C-alpha atoms as a PDB file:
ATOM      1  CA  MET A   1      -9.384  -1.453  13.319  1.00  0.00           C
ATOM      2  CA  GLY A   2      -7.052  -1.838  16.270  1.00  0.00           C
ATOM      3  CA  ASN A   3      -3.291  -1.506  16.510  1.00  0.00           C
ATOM      4  CA  ILE A   4      -1.106  -1.746  13.450  1.00  0.00           C
ATOM      5  CA  ASN A   5       1.963  -3.874  14.114  1.00  0.00           C
ATOM      6  CA  GLN A   6       2.992  -4.396  10.499  1.00  0.00           C
ATOM      7  CA  ALA A   7       2.211  -2.178   7.536  1.00  0.00           C
ATOM      8  CA  ALA A   8       3.418  -1.715   3.981  1.00  0.00           C
ATOM      9  CA  GLU A   9       3.463   1.211   1.610  1.00  0.00           C
ATOM     10  CA  LEU A  10       3.505   0.561  -2.124  1.00  0.00           C
ATOM     11  CA  GLY A  11       4.877   3.207  -4.456  1.00  0.00           C
ATOM     12  CA  ALA A  12       6.262   5.498  -1.764  1.00  0.00           C
ATOM     13  CA  GLY A  13       7.821   7.930  -4.249  1.00  0.00           C
ATOM     14  CA  THR A  14       9.236  10.955  -2.437  1.00  0.00           C
ATOM     15  CA  GLY A  15       7.761   9.921   0.914  1.00  0.00           C
ATOM     16  CA  VAL A  16       4.811  12.290   1.361  1.00  0.00           C
ATOM     17  CA  ILE A  17       2.562   9.488   2.663  1.00  0.00           C
ATOM     18  CA  THR A  18       5.508   7.693   4.306  1.00  0.00           C
ATOM     19  CA  ARG A  19       6.096  10.759   6.486  1.00  0.00           C
ATOM     20  CA  SER A  20       2.514  10.617   7.768  1.00  0.00           C
ATOM     21  CA  ILE A  21       2.671   6.851   8.358  1.00  0.00           C
ATOM     22  CA  VAL A  22       5.949   7.101  10.311  1.00  0.00           C
ATOM     23  CA  LYS A  23       4.645  10.064  12.332  1.00  0.00           C
ATOM     24  CA  ASN A  24       1.587   8.054  13.403  1.00  0.00           C
ATOM     25  CA  MET A  25       3.237   4.659  13.953  1.00  0.00           C
ATOM     26  CA  LEU A  26       3.135   3.091  17.379  1.00  0.00           C
ATOM     27  CA  PRO A  27       6.418   1.892  18.897  1.00  0.00           C
ATOM     28  CA  ASN A  28       7.488  -1.513  17.519  1.00  0.00           C
ATOM     29  CA  THR A  29       5.455  -1.091  14.318  1.00  0.00           C
ATOM     30  CA  ARG A  30       7.303  -2.490  11.307  1.00  0.00           C
ATOM     31  CA  LEU A  31       6.875  -0.500   8.106  1.00  0.00           C
ATOM     32  CA  HIS A  32       7.768  -2.208   4.824  1.00  0.00           C
ATOM     33  CA  VAL A  33       8.250   0.271   1.968  1.00  0.00           C
ATOM     34  CA  PHE A  34       8.125  -0.799  -1.681  1.00  0.00           C
ATOM     35  CA  GLU A  35       9.539   1.604  -4.262  1.00  0.00           C
ATOM     36  CA  LYS A  36      10.685   0.526  -7.738  1.00  0.00           C
ATOM     37  CA  ASP A  37      12.839   3.594  -8.477  1.00  0.00           C
ATOM     38  CA  SER A  38      16.264   3.018  -6.894  1.00  0.00           C
ATOM     39  CA  GLU A  39      17.079   6.726  -6.454  1.00  0.00           C
ATOM     40  CA  MET A  40      13.767   7.405  -4.723  1.00  0.00           C
ATOM     41  CA  ARG A  41      14.262   4.302  -2.571  1.00  0.00           C
ATOM     42  CA  LYS A  42      17.722   5.547  -1.503  1.00  0.00           C
ATOM     43  CA  GLY A  43      16.241   8.949  -0.601  1.00  0.00           C
ATOM     44  CA  LEU A  44      13.507   7.278   1.451  1.00  0.00           C
ATOM     45  CA  GLN A  45      16.081   5.180   3.311  1.00  0.00           C
ATOM     46  CA  VAL A  46      17.876   8.379   4.346  1.00  0.00           C
ATOM     47  CA  LYS A  47      14.651  10.150   5.410  1.00  0.00           C
ATOM     48  CA  PHE A  48      13.034   7.149   7.139  1.00  0.00           C
ATOM     49  CA  PRO A  49      15.754   4.734   8.327  1.00  0.00           C
ATOM     50  CA  GLU A  50      13.310   2.933  10.638  1.00  0.00           C
ATOM     51  CA  ALA A  51      11.518   1.294   7.694  1.00  0.00           C
ATOM     52  CA  PHE A  52      12.463  -1.810   5.695  1.00  0.00           C
ATOM     53  CA  TYR A  53      12.878  -1.318   1.933  1.00  0.00           C
ATOM     54  CA  TYR A  54      12.083  -3.456  -1.107  1.00  0.00           C
ATOM     55  CA  GLU A  55      11.908  -2.932  -4.853  1.00  0.00           C
ATOM     56  CA  ASP A  56       8.992  -4.960  -6.173  1.00  0.00           C
ATOM     57  CA  ALA A  57       5.345  -4.728  -5.039  1.00  0.00           C
ATOM     58  CA  CYS A  58       4.719  -7.937  -7.003  1.00  0.00           C
ATOM     59  CA  GLU A  59       6.802  -9.745  -4.385  1.00  0.00           C
ATOM     60  CA  ILE A  60       5.286  -8.603  -1.091  1.00  0.00           C
ATOM     61  CA  ILE A  61       4.921 -12.152   0.262  1.00  0.00           C
ATOM     62  CA  LYS A  62       8.473 -13.132  -0.745  1.00  0.00           C
ATOM     63  CA  SER A  63       9.860  -9.888   0.718  1.00  0.00           C
ATOM     64  CA  LEU A  64       8.151 -10.612   4.041  1.00  0.00           C
ATOM     65  CA  GLY A  65       9.838 -14.013   4.290  1.00  0.00           C
ATOM     66  CA  ASN A  66       7.047 -15.920   2.517  1.00  0.00           C
ATOM     67  CA  SER A  67       4.628 -15.026   5.306  1.00  0.00           C
ATOM     68  CA  GLU A  68       1.029 -14.616   4.196  1.00  0.00           C
ATOM     69  CA  GLY A  69      -1.544 -12.846   6.355  1.00  0.00           C
ATOM     70  CA  THR A  70       0.920 -10.823   8.430  1.00  0.00           C
ATOM     71  CA  LEU A  71       0.194  -7.199   7.479  1.00  0.00           C
ATOM     72  CA  ASP A  72      -2.404  -5.120   9.296  1.00  0.00           C
ATOM     73  CA  ALA A  73      -2.524  -2.385   6.652  1.00  0.00           C
ATOM     74  CA  VAL A  74      -1.230  -1.609   3.175  1.00  0.00           C
ATOM     75  CA  PHE A  75      -1.099   1.949   1.848  1.00  0.00           C
ATOM     76  CA  SER A  76      -0.785   2.325  -1.905  1.00  0.00           C
ATOM     77  CA  GLY A  77      -0.113   5.261  -4.148  1.00  0.00           C
ATOM     78  CA  LEU A  78       0.643   2.998  -7.110  1.00  0.00           C
ATOM     79  CA  PRO A  79      -0.686   4.373 -10.409  1.00  0.00           C
ATOM     80  CA  PHE A  80      -2.765   1.291 -11.242  1.00  0.00           C
ATOM     81  CA  THR A  81      -4.237   2.980 -14.349  1.00  0.00           C
ATOM     82  CA  ASN A  82      -0.735   2.942 -15.872  1.00  0.00           C
ATOM     83  CA  PHE A  83      -0.382  -0.828 -15.387  1.00  0.00           C
ATOM     84  CA  ASN A  84      -1.700  -3.589 -17.618  1.00  0.00           C
ATOM     85  CA  LYS A  85      -4.519  -5.779 -16.275  1.00  0.00           C
ATOM     86  CA  ASN A  86      -2.220  -8.707 -15.420  1.00  0.00           C
ATOM     87  CA  LEU A  87       0.085  -6.510 -13.328  1.00  0.00           C
ATOM     88  CA  ARG A  88      -2.854  -4.859 -11.534  1.00  0.00           C
ATOM     89  CA  THR A  89      -4.343  -8.264 -10.720  1.00  0.00           C
ATOM     90  CA  LYS A  90      -0.999  -9.657  -9.528  1.00  0.00           C
ATOM     91  CA  ILE A  91      -0.365  -6.737  -7.164  1.00  0.00           C
ATOM     92  CA  VAL A  92      -3.909  -6.778  -5.738  1.00  0.00           C
ATOM     93  CA  ASP A  93      -3.576 -10.545  -5.161  1.00  0.00           C
ATOM     94  CA  GLU A  94      -0.235 -10.024  -3.386  1.00  0.00           C
ATOM     95  CA  VAL A  95      -1.776  -7.319  -1.195  1.00  0.00           C
ATOM     96  CA  TYR A  96      -4.773  -9.493  -0.351  1.00  0.00           C
ATOM     97  CA  ARG A  97      -2.626 -12.515   0.529  1.00  0.00           C
ATOM     98  CA  SER A  98      -0.245 -10.383   2.623  1.00  0.00           C
ATOM     99  CA  LEU A  99      -3.044  -8.952   4.803  1.00  0.00           C
ATOM    100  CA  ARG A 100      -4.349 -10.631   7.931  1.00  0.00           C
ATOM    101  CA  PRO A 101      -8.126 -11.210   8.169  1.00  0.00           C
ATOM    102  CA  GLY A 102      -9.683  -7.800   8.833  1.00  0.00           C
ATOM    103  CA  GLY A 103      -6.596  -6.034   7.451  1.00  0.00           C
ATOM    104  CA  ILE A 104      -7.091  -3.042   5.170  1.00  0.00           C
ATOM    105  CA  LEU A 105      -5.784  -1.658   1.924  1.00  0.00           C
ATOM    106  CA  VAL A 106      -5.891   2.125   1.572  1.00  0.00           C
ATOM    107  CA  ALA A 107      -5.315   3.084  -2.067  1.00  0.00           C
ATOM    108  CA  PHE A 108      -5.120   6.585  -3.514  1.00  0.00           C
ATOM    109  CA  GLN A 109      -6.276   6.763  -7.154  1.00  0.00           C
ATOM    110  CA  TYR A 110      -7.313   9.411  -9.651  1.00  0.00           C
ATOM    111  CA  SER A 111     -10.195   7.426 -11.143  1.00  0.00           C
ATOM    112  CA  THR A 112     -12.671   4.718 -10.154  1.00  0.00           C
ATOM    113  CA  GLN A 113     -11.102   2.230 -12.582  1.00  0.00           C
ATOM    114  CA  MET A 114      -9.968  -0.104  -9.753  1.00  0.00           C
ATOM    115  CA  LYS A 115     -13.379  -0.442  -8.077  1.00  0.00           C
ATOM    116  CA  LYS A 116     -14.340  -3.778  -9.694  1.00  0.00           C
ATOM    117  CA  THR A 117     -10.834  -5.208  -9.270  1.00  0.00           C
ATOM    118  CA  PHE A 118     -10.836  -4.379  -5.552  1.00  0.00           C
ATOM    119  CA  GLN A 119     -14.410  -5.633  -5.120  1.00  0.00           C
ATOM    120  CA  ALA A 120     -13.469  -8.970  -6.709  1.00  0.00           C
ATOM    121  CA  SER A 121     -10.973  -9.615  -3.888  1.00  0.00           C
ATOM    122  CA  PHE A 122     -12.047  -7.690  -0.798  1.00  0.00           C
ATOM    123  CA  LYS A 123     -15.184  -8.243   1.280  1.00  0.00           C
ATOM    124  CA  GLU A 124     -15.786  -4.520   1.703  1.00  0.00           C
ATOM    125  CA  VAL A 125     -14.719  -1.600  -0.510  1.00  0.00           C
ATOM    126  CA  ASP A 126     -15.491   2.008   0.438  1.00  0.00           C
ATOM    127  CA  ILE A 127     -14.599   4.922  -1.831  1.00  0.00           C
ATOM    128  CA  SER A 128     -14.240   8.550  -0.799  1.00  0.00           C
ATOM    129  CA  PHE A 129     -13.693  11.476  -3.141  1.00  0.00           C
ATOM    130  CA  VAL A 130     -11.152  14.092  -2.024  1.00  0.00           C
ATOM    131  CA  PRO A 131     -11.763  17.222  -4.119  1.00  0.00           C
ATOM    132  CA  LYS A 132      -9.209  19.333  -2.210  1.00  0.00           C
ATOM    133  CA  ASN A 133      -6.382  17.060  -3.350  1.00  0.00           C
ATOM    134  CA  PHE A 134      -4.611  18.250  -6.515  1.00  0.00           C
ATOM    135  CA  PRO A 135      -5.498  16.595  -8.718  1.00  0.00           C
ATOM    136  CA  PRO A 136      -8.726  15.459  -7.017  1.00  0.00           C
ATOM    137  CA  ALA A 137      -8.409  11.854  -5.855  1.00  0.00           C
ATOM    138  CA  PHE A 138     -10.387   8.826  -4.820  1.00  0.00           C
ATOM    139  CA  VAL A 139      -9.428   6.999  -1.648  1.00  0.00           C
ATOM    140  CA  TYR A 140     -10.334   3.327  -1.529  1.00  0.00           C
ATOM    141  CA  ILE A 141     -10.510   1.552   1.820  1.00  0.00           C
ATOM    142  CA  CYS A 142     -10.721  -2.194   1.241  1.00  0.00           C
ATOM    143  CA  GLU A 143     -11.117  -4.707   4.068  1.00  0.00           C
ATOM    144  CA  LYS A 144     -10.055  -8.336   3.854  1.00  0.00           C
END
């Protein structure tokens, strides 16, 4: 896939995935973290001050200065199954528009419910099952 200069994480929560992203970032990589919960976002800002923080994953493009096609990768732990169809579609569209050609979305889910939604937008969608995760999870890798 090449170097990642700009990445985003959606639904960072307590920062379990954020920690791994930051640990593996190259110098000068910009990480944009989206977390709706203000207390969790404050905790993330303390743990990972090198990242840039935002509240709403529905506004990725706006948060990035209205720049489409600038992200190399998006990592998502958002619980899409808890969202209504309109919200799921809006977020996936924002992710797609924010990615550069060849950029990837890596989404962690607990069902295959999002397969058709991802396939409707992305040219390639691979799914892996991770039984050792608790609870077991599906990892989607979607390429623009």
